[in-house]
Amino acid sequence: MERLLGHRFRRSTLVAVFCAAILMGTGLARVVTFDITWIIVSISFLLILPRRRWQYGPAFMVLLLLGISIGGFRGTAVMRQVAVYDGLYDSKIVLMGTAGEDSSYNKTKQVKFVLKDLYYIDELTEEKIPLVGKIGVSGFGENVIFRGDTVIVRGKLRDGIGSYQGWMSFAQLQLLERTDSNIEKVRREFGAGMQSALPEPLASFGMGLLIGQNTTLPDHVYKDLLMVGLVHIIAVSGYNLTIIVRACGRLLGNRSKYQTTIISAMLICTFLLLTGGSASIVRASIVSGLSLAAWYYGRNFKPVALILMAAAITCVWHPLYVWGDLGWYLSFLAFYGVMVLGPQVRFRMLPEKLRNNTLVLVAVESMCAEIMATPLILYVFGQTSLVSLLANVVIATVVPIAMLLSVMAGVAGMFFASVAGWIAWPAVMILTYMLDMAHILANIPDVFIENHHVNLLGMLFLYTVVLAMNLLLYFRIKQDPGIIMALNEEHTLLRTSKIYVSKD
C-alpha cells in the first residue's frame, strides 16, 4: 500500500483509471444504490489533496472512488427509470415513440422496426410517462414506417432481451407524424437513387456499406456474409467511419491541418445523423473526434485510455449499453484488437517490409479484432467462421473503393437518372465481385461452426490467455525504442507522415 501511495502515475493512466471506475460504478448500480453523497465526498477528498500530489497514489484512490460514484449515481438514476417497465410487462398498453430505423417485413408479414424515445400513455388520464431504452415492434396498420416517424403502438408488452427493454408483436400501429427531417429526406432520396442506378441486391448491399442500412438485404446474401464473417461491413459500425476519416486525412492532411479537422468533424457529424446513432457508431464518432483533437494539437493518444474514455462517455450518456448491449461490447473489443493488439503484432512479429502492406494490414487487424470478439461470440451465440480472415483479405480490402463507387452510383441515380446505369457500372462490377466471393467462400463445406458454446469460465480463460499474450508483446516492445516511436505515430486515425521503425 505504501508503494502505491508513493508512486507517481502518468496522467493518461489516471484518466484510464477514472474512466474504468465509471464503468465499474455503472455496473455496480444494478445491485447497489448510489446517491449524490458519494460524489460530494469524493470531490471533497480531491479538493483537500495538495496539488503537487495530484499524480500520486492518493489521487489514484480518490479518482477511483469519484469514478465509481459518478457511474453509480448515473446508473442508479436510470435503474429507477427502468423499474417503470416492471408494471407494464404482460399488459396491453399504448406507447408512443420515434422509429429508430426504416421498417421491413418479418416472416409473418408484419411491419417490424425499433421504437425509441418512448412514452407510456395512460389511457385513463392521458398522461405521458417517459421511458428509457428501446423496444422491438412488429404489427399491422401501416404499410411502411420511416426512421424518425412518430408512431403510436397498441399491444401486449413482453420482457426484453439484451439491449431491448421490451418486445411487442401483433401490435396495432398508428402513424402520428411523418418526419420532416432534411437528413432523412436526403437519405431516402439517395436510397431511391441507388435503387435506380443499381440492381438488387447490389443497391441494398451498397446502402449497407455506406450507412449500415441492411433491412432490405435478401436473406441469402445476409447468410453468406454471416458465414464468412463479414456482417460487420454492412452493419452500423466504426469501420465505415474510420475509412471516411482516414481518406479525408490522406487527401487534405498535407495541405491544411485546420481544414482537414473541420471537414473530418463535419463528416463525422453527418455520418452520425445518417446512421441513426447506434451504440457502435456513437462509440466510433467519439473515438474519431478525440483522435482528431489529439492529431490537431500534435498529441499522440494512448489507445487504452482513448477506448476507456469513449466507453465512459457512452456509458454515462446511456448506461443501458453496459447492462445488456452486446453490440457495444463487441465494438469495443474489436476496437481494442485493431488499435492495441494489431499494431503490437505487426511491429513485433512481422518483418519490416510487410508492416505497411495493405493486405497485411487488413489481415492483421481482422485477425486481432476476431481474437478479441470470438470468445464473447462463442459464449453468446456459439458460432464462428473459419474463413473470416481470408474473406476479410479478399473482400474487405476493396470496401473503400466500393463505398466511393456506390456514392457515385447513388448521386447519379438522384440527379442523372437517364445515364445512371453507365455511371454505375464500376460499382456494379466491384459489388458483384464482393458478393460472388462471399457466396463462393460460404459454400465451402464446414466453414461455419454453429452450436459450440463455451461457458462463462471458458470465456474468461480465453480472455486471460489473450491478455497474457498482449502483455508479453507489450513488455518485449518496451525494449525497442524504434518500435515505441513507430507505435506513437501509429496511434492516430490520420496517419499522414511516414512511419519509421527499427530493424529487428
Protein backbone atom coordinates (compact mmCIF):
# COMPACT_ATOMS: atom_id res chain seq x y z
CA MET A 1 0.00 0.00 0.00
CA GLU A 2 2.84 2.42 0.85
CA ARG A 3 4.40 1.76 -2.56
CA LEU A 4 1.08 2.54 -4.24
CA LEU A 5 0.60 5.79 -2.31
CA GLY A 6 4.13 6.96 -3.13
CA HIS A 7 4.08 6.04 -6.81
CA ARG A 8 3.73 8.81 -9.40
CA PHE A 9 1.29 7.90 -12.15
CA ARG A 10 1.12 9.25 -15.67
CA ARG A 11 -1.82 11.46 -16.49
CA SER A 12 -3.00 9.00 -19.15
CA THR A 13 -3.01 6.26 -16.50
CA LEU A 14 -5.11 8.38 -14.15
CA VAL A 15 -7.55 9.17 -16.98
CA ALA A 16 -7.82 5.46 -17.80
CA VAL A 17 -8.41 4.58 -14.12
CA PHE A 18 -11.07 7.26 -13.75
CA CYS A 19 -12.92 6.10 -16.89
CA ALA A 20 -12.66 2.43 -15.88
CA ALA A 21 -14.07 3.35 -12.47
CA ILE A 22 -17.09 4.99 -14.13
CA LEU A 23 -17.77 1.72 -15.94
CA MET A 24 -17.40 -0.22 -12.69
CA GLY A 25 -19.79 2.11 -10.88
CA THR A 26 -22.39 1.80 -13.62
CA GLY A 27 -22.22 -1.98 -13.40
CA LEU A 28 -22.49 -1.92 -9.60
CA ALA A 29 -25.62 0.25 -9.85
CA ARG A 30 -27.54 -2.90 -10.77
CA VAL A 31 -27.09 -4.18 -7.20
CA VAL A 32 -26.04 -1.12 -5.15
CA THR A 33 -27.90 2.17 -4.77
CA PHE A 34 -25.75 5.29 -5.06
CA ASP A 35 -26.72 8.84 -4.12
CA ILE A 36 -25.17 12.29 -4.53
CA THR A 37 -23.35 11.93 -1.20
CA TRP A 38 -20.82 9.60 -2.82
CA ILE A 39 -19.86 12.25 -5.38
CA ILE A 40 -19.71 15.07 -2.81
CA VAL A 41 -17.40 13.08 -0.54
CA SER A 42 -15.15 12.12 -3.45
CA ILE A 43 -14.85 15.69 -4.69
CA SER A 44 -14.13 16.88 -1.15
CA PHE A 45 -11.20 14.45 -0.88
CA LEU A 46 -9.93 15.64 -4.26
CA LEU A 47 -10.12 19.33 -3.25
CA ILE A 48 -8.22 18.88 0.01
CA LEU A 49 -5.49 16.91 -1.75
CA PRO A 50 -2.40 19.12 -2.31
CA ARG A 51 -1.95 19.97 -5.99
CA ARG A 52 1.59 18.64 -6.02
CA ARG A 53 0.18 15.22 -5.06
CA TRP A 54 -2.41 15.00 -7.85
CA GLN A 55 -0.39 12.46 -9.82
CA TYR A 56 0.48 10.24 -6.87
CA GLY A 57 -1.20 7.33 -5.12
CA PRO A 58 -3.76 9.35 -3.12
CA ALA A 59 -5.08 10.93 -6.30
CA PHE A 60 -5.30 7.44 -7.81
CA MET A 61 -7.52 6.30 -4.95
CA VAL A 62 -9.67 9.44 -4.99
CA LEU A 63 -10.20 9.26 -8.76
CA LEU A 64 -11.14 5.62 -8.42
CA LEU A 65 -13.75 6.49 -5.79
CA LEU A 66 -15.00 9.50 -7.77
CA GLY A 67 -15.39 7.47 -10.96
CA ILE A 68 -17.32 4.73 -9.18
CA SER A 69 -19.53 7.37 -7.55
CA ILE A 70 -20.33 9.13 -10.84
CA GLY A 71 -21.03 5.89 -12.69
CA GLY A 72 -23.06 4.51 -9.80
CA PHE A 73 -25.10 7.69 -9.39
CA ARG A 74 -25.91 7.84 -13.09
CA GLY A 75 -26.70 4.12 -13.16
CA THR A 76 -28.98 4.35 -10.13
CA ALA A 77 -30.98 7.15 -11.77
CA VAL A 78 -31.52 5.08 -14.91
CA MET A 79 -32.34 1.96 -12.87
CA ARG A 80 -35.26 3.86 -11.34
CA GLN A 81 -36.49 4.67 -14.84
CA VAL A 82 -36.08 1.07 -15.99
CA ALA A 83 -38.13 -0.09 -12.98
CA VAL A 84 -41.20 1.55 -14.55
CA TYR A 85 -41.28 -1.31 -17.08
CA ASP A 86 -41.98 -3.87 -14.32
CA GLY A 87 -45.58 -2.73 -14.07
CA LEU A 88 -46.08 -2.77 -17.84
CA TYR A 89 -44.87 -6.22 -18.86
CA ASP A 90 -47.53 -8.75 -19.93
CA SER A 91 -50.12 -5.99 -20.15
CA LYS A 92 -51.86 -4.39 -23.12
CA ILE A 93 -50.59 -0.82 -23.21
CA VAL A 94 -50.22 2.18 -25.50
CA LEU A 95 -46.77 3.53 -26.32
CA MET A 96 -45.67 6.49 -28.37
CA GLY A 97 -42.18 6.88 -29.76
CA THR A 98 -39.89 7.53 -32.69
CA ALA A 99 -38.94 4.87 -35.20
CA GLY A 100 -35.23 4.15 -34.92
CA GLU A 101 -34.97 2.55 -38.38
CA ASP A 102 -36.89 2.07 -41.60
CA SER A 103 -39.42 -0.72 -41.29
CA SER A 104 -39.26 -4.07 -43.04
CA TYR A 105 -41.48 -7.15 -43.13
CA ASN A 106 -40.89 -10.24 -41.00
CA LYS A 107 -41.84 -13.83 -41.82
CA THR A 108 -45.42 -13.29 -40.62
CA LYS A 109 -45.81 -10.25 -42.93
CA GLN A 110 -45.82 -7.84 -40.01
CA VAL A 111 -44.19 -4.42 -40.25
CA LYS A 112 -41.21 -4.51 -37.89
CA PHE A 113 -38.95 -1.75 -36.61
CA VAL A 114 -37.29 -0.38 -33.47
CA LEU A 115 -39.12 2.21 -31.34
CA LYS A 116 -37.11 4.66 -29.21
CA ASP A 117 -37.70 7.99 -27.36
CA LEU A 118 -40.58 6.23 -25.68
CA TYR A 119 -43.63 7.45 -23.76
CA TYR A 120 -46.19 5.30 -21.99
CA ILE A 121 -49.67 6.76 -22.45
CA ASP A 122 -52.11 6.20 -19.59
CA GLU A 123 -55.44 5.79 -21.38
CA LEU A 124 -57.42 6.90 -18.32
CA THR A 125 -55.59 10.14 -17.57
CA GLU A 126 -53.90 10.56 -20.99
CA GLU A 127 -50.69 11.24 -19.09
CA LYS A 128 -47.42 10.64 -20.95
CA ILE A 129 -44.76 8.92 -18.86
CA PRO A 130 -41.25 8.91 -20.39
CA LEU A 131 -39.45 5.57 -20.68
CA VAL A 132 -35.80 4.80 -21.30
CA GLY A 133 -34.31 2.45 -23.83
CA LYS A 134 -35.91 0.93 -26.91
CA ILE A 135 -38.33 -1.84 -27.79
CA GLY A 136 -38.78 -4.04 -30.82
CA VAL A 137 -42.17 -3.67 -32.52
CA SER A 138 -43.96 -5.73 -35.16
CA GLY A 139 -47.57 -5.28 -36.13
CA PHE A 140 -50.22 -4.15 -38.60
CA GLY A 141 -51.99 -0.95 -39.51
CA GLU A 142 -49.34 0.86 -41.56
CA ASN A 143 -47.64 -0.23 -44.77
CA VAL A 144 -44.32 1.47 -44.11
CA ILE A 145 -42.64 3.34 -41.26
CA PHE A 146 -39.61 5.52 -41.93
CA ARG A 147 -36.88 6.29 -39.44
CA GLY A 148 -37.80 9.39 -37.46
CA ASP A 149 -41.58 8.94 -37.81
CA THR A 150 -43.66 9.37 -34.67
CA VAL A 151 -45.73 6.23 -34.09
CA ILE A 152 -48.35 5.03 -31.59
CA VAL A 153 -48.40 1.29 -30.92
CA ARG A 154 -51.03 -0.71 -29.02
CA GLY A 155 -50.38 -4.25 -27.84
CA LYS A 156 -49.03 -6.54 -25.13
CA LEU A 157 -45.51 -5.71 -23.98
CA ARG A 158 -43.15 -8.61 -23.34
CA ASP A 159 -39.93 -8.61 -21.35
CA GLY A 160 -36.90 -7.57 -23.38
CA ILE A 161 -33.71 -9.42 -24.21
CA GLY A 162 -30.25 -7.92 -24.48
CA SER A 163 -30.31 -4.27 -25.50
CA TYR A 164 -34.11 -4.22 -25.85
CA GLN A 165 -36.24 -3.26 -22.87
CA GLY A 166 -39.26 -4.98 -24.37
CA TRP A 167 -40.92 -6.57 -27.39
CA MET A 168 -44.37 -6.07 -28.83
CA SER A 169 -45.75 -8.40 -31.51
CA PHE A 170 -49.04 -8.23 -33.43
CA ALA A 171 -49.40 -4.63 -32.33
CA GLN A 172 -51.75 -2.06 -33.82
CA LEU A 173 -49.70 0.66 -35.48
CA GLN A 174 -50.77 4.25 -36.00
CA LEU A 175 -48.60 6.79 -37.76
CA LEU A 176 -48.91 10.01 -35.80
CA GLU A 177 -46.50 12.21 -37.72
CA ARG A 178 -44.20 11.68 -40.67
CA THR A 179 -40.69 13.02 -40.09
CA ASP A 180 -39.80 16.31 -41.76
CA SER A 181 -36.05 15.96 -41.17
CA ASN A 182 -33.97 17.13 -44.12
CA ILE A 183 -31.37 14.49 -43.27
CA GLU A 184 -33.99 11.76 -43.57
CA LYS A 185 -35.28 13.19 -46.84
CA VAL A 186 -31.79 13.21 -48.32
CA ARG A 187 -31.18 9.66 -47.11
CA ARG A 188 -34.41 8.39 -48.68
CA GLU A 189 -33.75 10.24 -51.94
CA PHE A 190 -30.22 8.84 -52.03
CA GLY A 191 -31.60 5.35 -51.40
CA ALA A 192 -34.08 5.81 -54.25
CA GLY A 193 -31.22 6.98 -56.46
CA MET A 194 -29.24 3.89 -55.52
CA GLN A 195 -32.21 1.70 -56.44
CA SER A 196 -32.46 3.45 -59.81
CA ALA A 197 -28.77 3.08 -60.62
CA LEU A 198 -28.07 -0.42 -59.29
CA PRO A 199 -29.99 -3.71 -59.50
CA GLU A 200 -30.85 -5.70 -56.41
CA PRO A 201 -29.24 -6.96 -54.25
CA LEU A 202 -26.38 -4.62 -55.18
CA ALA A 203 -28.35 -1.48 -54.24
CA SER A 204 -29.18 -2.79 -50.76
CA PHE A 205 -25.61 -4.03 -50.32
CA GLY A 206 -24.27 -0.61 -51.30
CA MET A 207 -26.52 1.12 -48.76
CA GLY A 208 -25.29 -1.32 -46.13
CA LEU A 209 -21.66 -0.46 -46.91
CA LEU A 210 -22.31 3.28 -46.74
CA ILE A 211 -24.65 3.79 -43.79
CA GLY A 212 -25.39 0.33 -42.39
CA GLN A 213 -28.90 0.14 -43.83
CA ASN A 214 -29.46 -3.58 -44.35
CA THR A 215 -33.17 -4.11 -43.71
CA THR A 216 -33.82 -4.70 -47.42
CA LEU A 217 -30.88 -7.04 -47.95
CA PRO A 218 -32.06 -10.50 -49.11
CA ASP A 219 -31.78 -13.29 -46.57
CA HIS A 220 -29.45 -15.41 -48.71
CA VAL A 221 -26.97 -12.52 -49.09
CA TYR A 222 -27.01 -11.81 -45.35
CA LYS A 223 -26.48 -15.52 -44.67
CA ASP A 224 -23.44 -15.60 -46.99
CA LEU A 225 -21.90 -12.60 -45.23
CA LEU A 226 -22.61 -14.13 -41.83
CA MET A 227 -20.99 -17.45 -42.76
CA VAL A 228 -17.77 -15.77 -43.93
CA GLY A 229 -17.57 -13.31 -41.04
CA LEU A 230 -18.30 -10.12 -42.99
CA VAL A 231 -21.52 -8.90 -41.40
CA HIS A 232 -19.56 -6.03 -39.85
CA ILE A 233 -19.07 -4.34 -43.24
CA ILE A 234 -22.86 -3.82 -43.65
CA ALA A 235 -23.53 -3.00 -40.02
CA VAL A 236 -23.59 0.44 -38.49
CA SER A 237 -20.06 0.39 -37.12
CA GLY A 238 -16.90 2.39 -36.88
CA TYR A 239 -15.36 0.53 -39.82
CA ASN A 240 -17.07 2.76 -42.39
CA LEU A 241 -16.39 5.91 -40.40
CA THR A 242 -12.71 5.09 -39.98
CA ILE A 243 -12.39 4.65 -43.75
CA ILE A 244 -14.02 8.03 -44.37
CA VAL A 245 -11.90 9.92 -41.83
CA ARG A 246 -8.63 8.35 -42.94
CA ALA A 247 -9.43 9.04 -46.60
CA CYS A 248 -10.09 12.68 -45.73
CA GLY A 249 -6.80 12.83 -43.85
CA ARG A 250 -4.83 11.43 -46.76
CA LEU A 251 -6.45 13.84 -49.23
CA LEU A 252 -6.16 17.02 -47.16
CA GLY A 253 -3.69 16.32 -44.35
CA ASN A 254 -0.64 17.66 -46.19
CA ARG A 255 -2.41 20.85 -47.25
CA SER A 256 -4.25 22.30 -44.29
CA LYS A 257 -4.49 20.83 -40.82
CA TYR A 258 -7.34 23.16 -39.89
CA GLN A 259 -9.40 22.33 -42.99
CA THR A 260 -8.78 18.62 -42.53
CA THR A 261 -10.01 18.79 -38.94
CA ILE A 262 -13.13 20.81 -39.79
CA ILE A 263 -14.08 18.69 -42.81
CA SER A 264 -13.46 15.45 -40.91
CA ALA A 265 -15.57 16.69 -37.98
CA MET A 266 -18.38 17.60 -40.38
CA LEU A 267 -18.18 14.15 -41.97
CA ILE A 268 -18.34 12.51 -38.54
CA CYS A 269 -21.44 14.51 -37.57
CA THR A 270 -23.14 13.86 -40.91
CA PHE A 271 -22.41 10.15 -40.73
CA LEU A 272 -23.75 10.03 -37.16
CA LEU A 273 -27.00 11.70 -38.26
CA LEU A 274 -27.41 9.50 -41.34
CA THR A 275 -26.90 6.25 -39.47
CA GLY A 276 -29.22 6.96 -36.55
CA GLY A 277 -26.78 6.92 -33.62
CA SER A 278 -26.46 3.25 -32.64
CA ALA A 279 -24.12 2.23 -29.84
CA SER A 280 -21.25 1.26 -32.13
CA ILE A 281 -21.40 4.36 -34.32
CA VAL A 282 -21.66 6.68 -31.29
CA ARG A 283 -18.54 5.00 -29.94
CA ALA A 284 -16.78 5.35 -33.26
CA SER A 285 -17.76 9.01 -33.52
CA ILE A 286 -16.43 9.78 -30.05
CA VAL A 287 -13.17 7.94 -30.71
CA SER A 288 -12.76 9.67 -34.08
CA GLY A 289 -13.47 13.07 -32.52
CA LEU A 290 -10.95 12.55 -29.72
CA SER A 291 -8.39 11.28 -32.24
CA LEU A 292 -8.94 14.33 -34.43
CA ALA A 293 -8.43 16.64 -31.47
CA ALA A 294 -5.20 14.85 -30.47
CA TRP A 295 -3.91 14.97 -34.06
CA TYR A 296 -4.79 18.65 -34.46
CA TYR A 297 -2.89 19.64 -31.29
CA GLY A 298 0.06 17.40 -32.16
CA ARG A 299 -0.52 14.84 -29.42
CA ASN A 300 -0.32 11.05 -29.59
CA PHE A 301 -3.10 9.33 -27.71
CA LYS A 302 -2.77 6.22 -25.59
CA PRO A 303 -5.18 3.75 -27.19
CA VAL A 304 -6.28 2.06 -23.96
CA ALA A 305 -7.05 5.43 -22.36
CA LEU A 306 -8.90 6.50 -25.51
CA ILE A 307 -11.00 3.33 -25.57
CA LEU A 308 -11.87 3.66 -21.88
CA MET A 309 -12.69 7.36 -22.31
CA ALA A 310 -15.06 6.61 -25.19
CA ALA A 311 -16.62 3.77 -23.19
CA ALA A 312 -17.11 6.01 -20.14
CA ILE A 313 -18.71 8.80 -22.20
CA THR A 314 -21.18 6.45 -23.89
CA CYS A 315 -21.83 4.74 -20.56
CA VAL A 316 -22.70 7.98 -18.75
CA TRP A 317 -24.85 9.07 -21.69
CA HIS A 318 -26.69 5.72 -21.86
CA PRO A 319 -25.95 3.24 -19.02
CA LEU A 320 -28.13 0.62 -20.69
CA TYR A 321 -25.21 -0.08 -23.02
CA VAL A 322 -23.25 -1.57 -20.12
CA TRP A 323 -26.16 -3.63 -18.86
CA GLY A 324 -27.06 -5.54 -21.98
CA ASP A 325 -25.97 -4.16 -25.35
CA LEU A 326 -23.89 -6.93 -26.94
CA GLY A 327 -23.02 -4.73 -29.91
CA TRP A 328 -21.49 -2.17 -27.54
CA TYR A 329 -19.19 -4.81 -26.03
CA LEU A 330 -18.25 -6.30 -29.39
CA SER A 331 -17.44 -2.91 -30.86
CA PHE A 332 -15.04 -2.06 -28.03
CA LEU A 333 -13.44 -5.49 -28.08
CA ALA A 334 -12.88 -5.25 -31.83
CA PHE A 335 -11.57 -1.71 -31.44
CA TYR A 336 -9.09 -2.92 -28.81
CA GLY A 337 -7.94 -5.63 -31.18
CA VAL A 338 -7.40 -3.14 -34.02
CA MET A 339 -5.84 -0.30 -32.00
CA VAL A 340 -3.83 -2.15 -29.33
CA LEU A 341 -3.21 -5.77 -30.24
CA GLY A 342 -2.96 -5.25 -34.02
CA PRO A 343 -0.04 -2.78 -34.04
CA GLN A 344 1.83 -4.85 -31.46
CA VAL A 345 1.54 -7.96 -33.62
CA ARG A 346 2.58 -6.08 -36.78
CA PHE A 347 5.60 -4.32 -35.34
CA ARG A 348 6.86 -7.19 -33.21
CA MET A 349 6.08 -10.34 -35.20
CA LEU A 350 6.31 -9.23 -38.86
CA PRO A 351 9.35 -8.24 -40.93
CA GLU A 352 9.72 -4.54 -41.67
CA LYS A 353 8.89 -4.89 -45.39
CA LEU A 354 5.42 -6.28 -44.66
CA ARG A 355 4.33 -3.95 -41.85
CA ASN A 356 2.73 -1.29 -44.02
CA ASN A 357 1.42 -3.56 -46.79
CA THR A 358 -2.32 -3.02 -47.25
CA LEU A 359 -3.21 -6.71 -47.43
CA VAL A 360 -1.10 -7.48 -44.38
CA LEU A 361 -2.62 -4.54 -42.50
CA VAL A 362 -6.18 -5.73 -43.21
CA ALA A 363 -5.30 -9.33 -42.39
CA VAL A 364 -3.64 -8.49 -39.05
CA GLU A 365 -6.35 -6.04 -37.97
CA SER A 366 -9.11 -8.51 -38.90
CA MET A 367 -7.33 -11.35 -37.09
CA CYS A 368 -6.82 -9.29 -33.91
CA ALA A 369 -10.39 -7.98 -33.95
CA GLU A 370 -11.64 -11.56 -34.23
CA ILE A 371 -9.34 -12.74 -31.46
CA MET A 372 -10.92 -10.18 -29.13
CA ALA A 373 -14.53 -10.77 -30.22
CA THR A 374 -14.61 -14.56 -30.71
CA PRO A 375 -14.71 -15.65 -27.02
CA LEU A 376 -17.76 -13.47 -26.35
CA ILE A 377 -19.43 -14.60 -29.61
CA LEU A 378 -18.82 -18.25 -28.70
CA TYR A 379 -20.26 -17.62 -25.23
CA VAL A 380 -23.42 -15.91 -26.51
CA PHE A 381 -24.04 -17.41 -29.97
CA GLY A 382 -21.81 -20.47 -30.13
CA GLN A 383 -20.78 -19.79 -33.73
CA THR A 384 -17.77 -18.64 -35.72
CA SER A 385 -16.42 -18.70 -39.28
CA LEU A 386 -13.23 -20.49 -40.31
CA VAL A 387 -12.75 -18.37 -43.46
CA SER A 388 -13.32 -14.93 -41.97
CA LEU A 389 -9.64 -13.98 -42.19
CA LEU A 390 -9.47 -14.98 -45.87
CA ALA A 391 -12.77 -13.21 -46.57
CA ASN A 392 -11.51 -10.00 -44.98
CA VAL A 393 -8.36 -10.10 -47.10
CA VAL A 394 -10.05 -10.75 -50.46
CA ILE A 395 -13.25 -8.74 -49.86
CA ALA A 396 -12.84 -6.17 -47.09
CA THR A 397 -9.75 -4.67 -48.72
CA VAL A 398 -11.88 -3.26 -51.55
CA VAL A 399 -14.55 -1.76 -49.26
CA PRO A 400 -13.17 1.82 -49.54
CA ILE A 401 -13.31 1.64 -53.35
CA ALA A 402 -16.77 0.07 -53.23
CA MET A 403 -18.01 2.86 -50.94
CA LEU A 404 -16.70 5.56 -53.29
CA LEU A 405 -18.23 3.93 -56.38
CA SER A 406 -21.53 3.36 -54.54
CA VAL A 407 -21.70 7.07 -53.68
CA MET A 408 -21.14 7.90 -57.35
CA ALA A 409 -23.91 5.49 -58.35
CA GLY A 410 -26.36 6.90 -55.80
CA VAL A 411 -25.69 10.51 -56.78
CA ALA A 412 -26.07 9.58 -60.46
CA GLY A 413 -29.41 7.95 -59.70
CA MET A 414 -30.56 11.09 -57.86
CA PHE A 415 -29.60 13.68 -60.48
CA PHE A 416 -28.77 11.89 -63.75
CA ALA A 417 -31.26 9.02 -63.91
CA SER A 418 -31.09 8.73 -67.71
CA VAL A 419 -27.37 7.87 -67.68
CA ALA A 420 -27.12 6.43 -64.15
CA GLY A 421 -26.61 2.92 -65.46
CA TRP A 422 -23.47 3.93 -67.34
CA ILE A 423 -22.03 5.83 -64.38
CA ALA A 424 -22.86 2.99 -62.01
CA TRP A 425 -21.26 0.12 -63.95
CA PRO A 426 -17.94 0.29 -61.99
CA ALA A 427 -19.97 -0.06 -58.76
CA VAL A 428 -21.84 -2.99 -60.32
CA MET A 429 -18.55 -4.71 -61.11
CA ILE A 430 -16.97 -4.36 -57.68
CA LEU A 431 -20.15 -5.05 -55.65
CA THR A 432 -20.81 -8.14 -57.76
CA TYR A 433 -17.26 -9.32 -57.15
CA MET A 434 -17.69 -8.90 -53.38
CA LEU A 435 -21.00 -10.78 -53.22
CA ASP A 436 -19.79 -13.54 -55.54
CA MET A 437 -16.64 -14.09 -53.48
CA ALA A 438 -18.71 -14.18 -50.29
CA HIS A 439 -21.04 -16.76 -51.87
CA ILE A 440 -18.13 -18.93 -53.04
CA LEU A 441 -16.46 -18.91 -49.62
CA ALA A 442 -19.76 -19.52 -47.83
CA ASN A 443 -20.32 -22.69 -49.88
CA ILE A 444 -17.07 -24.30 -48.77
CA PRO A 445 -18.12 -27.30 -46.63
CA ASP A 446 -17.98 -26.89 -42.84
CA VAL A 447 -16.66 -23.30 -42.83
CA PHE A 448 -19.30 -22.11 -40.37
CA ILE A 449 -19.27 -23.58 -36.88
CA GLU A 450 -22.60 -23.49 -35.01
CA ASN A 451 -23.86 -24.61 -31.59
CA HIS A 452 -20.42 -24.75 -29.99
CA HIS A 453 -20.96 -22.61 -26.90
CA VAL A 454 -18.34 -22.04 -24.24
CA ASN A 455 -19.37 -21.38 -20.65
CA LEU A 456 -18.51 -18.29 -18.63
CA LEU A 457 -15.33 -19.81 -17.19
CA GLY A 458 -14.23 -20.86 -20.67
CA MET A 459 -14.74 -17.33 -21.99
CA LEU A 460 -12.80 -15.82 -19.09
CA PHE A 461 -9.99 -18.33 -19.62
CA LEU A 462 -9.74 -17.40 -23.33
CA TYR A 463 -9.57 -13.69 -22.49
CA THR A 464 -6.91 -14.42 -19.84
CA VAL A 465 -4.78 -16.12 -22.50
CA VAL A 466 -5.27 -13.17 -24.88
CA LEU A 467 -4.37 -10.68 -22.15
CA ALA A 468 -1.24 -12.65 -21.26
CA MET A 469 -0.17 -12.64 -24.92
CA ASN A 470 -0.90 -8.91 -25.11
CA LEU A 471 1.25 -8.17 -22.02
CA LEU A 472 4.08 -10.35 -23.33
CA LEU A 473 4.15 -8.41 -26.59
CA TYR A 474 3.96 -5.11 -24.70
CA PHE A 475 6.97 -5.85 -22.46
CA ARG A 476 9.01 -7.05 -25.41
CA ILE A 477 8.13 -3.92 -27.40
CA LYS A 478 9.18 -1.65 -24.49
CA GLN A 479 12.74 -2.81 -25.03
CA ASP A 480 12.84 -1.38 -28.59
CA PRO A 481 12.70 2.46 -28.75
CA GLY A 482 12.25 2.36 -32.53
CA ILE A 483 9.04 0.37 -32.27
CA ILE A 484 7.78 2.62 -29.47
CA MET A 485 8.30 5.65 -31.72
CA ALA A 486 6.53 3.88 -34.59
CA LEU A 487 3.59 2.96 -32.36
CA ASN A 488 3.26 6.57 -31.19
CA GLU A 489 2.98 7.58 -34.83
CA GLU A 490 0.55 4.73 -35.46
CA HIS A 491 -1.92 5.84 -32.80
CA THR A 492 -3.88 8.38 -34.81
CA LEU A 493 -6.66 7.97 -37.35
CA LEU A 494 -4.95 10.49 -39.65
CA ARG A 495 -1.63 8.83 -40.43
CA THR A 496 -0.19 11.24 -42.98
CA SER A 497 3.52 11.09 -42.19
CA LYS A 498 5.95 8.28 -42.85
CA ILE A 499 6.38 5.70 -40.12
CA TYR A 500 9.95 4.93 -39.17
CA VAL A 501 10.68 1.67 -37.39
CA SER A 502 13.84 -0.02 -36.25
CA LYS A 503 15.11 -3.23 -37.71
CA ASP A 504 14.79 -6.34 -35.61
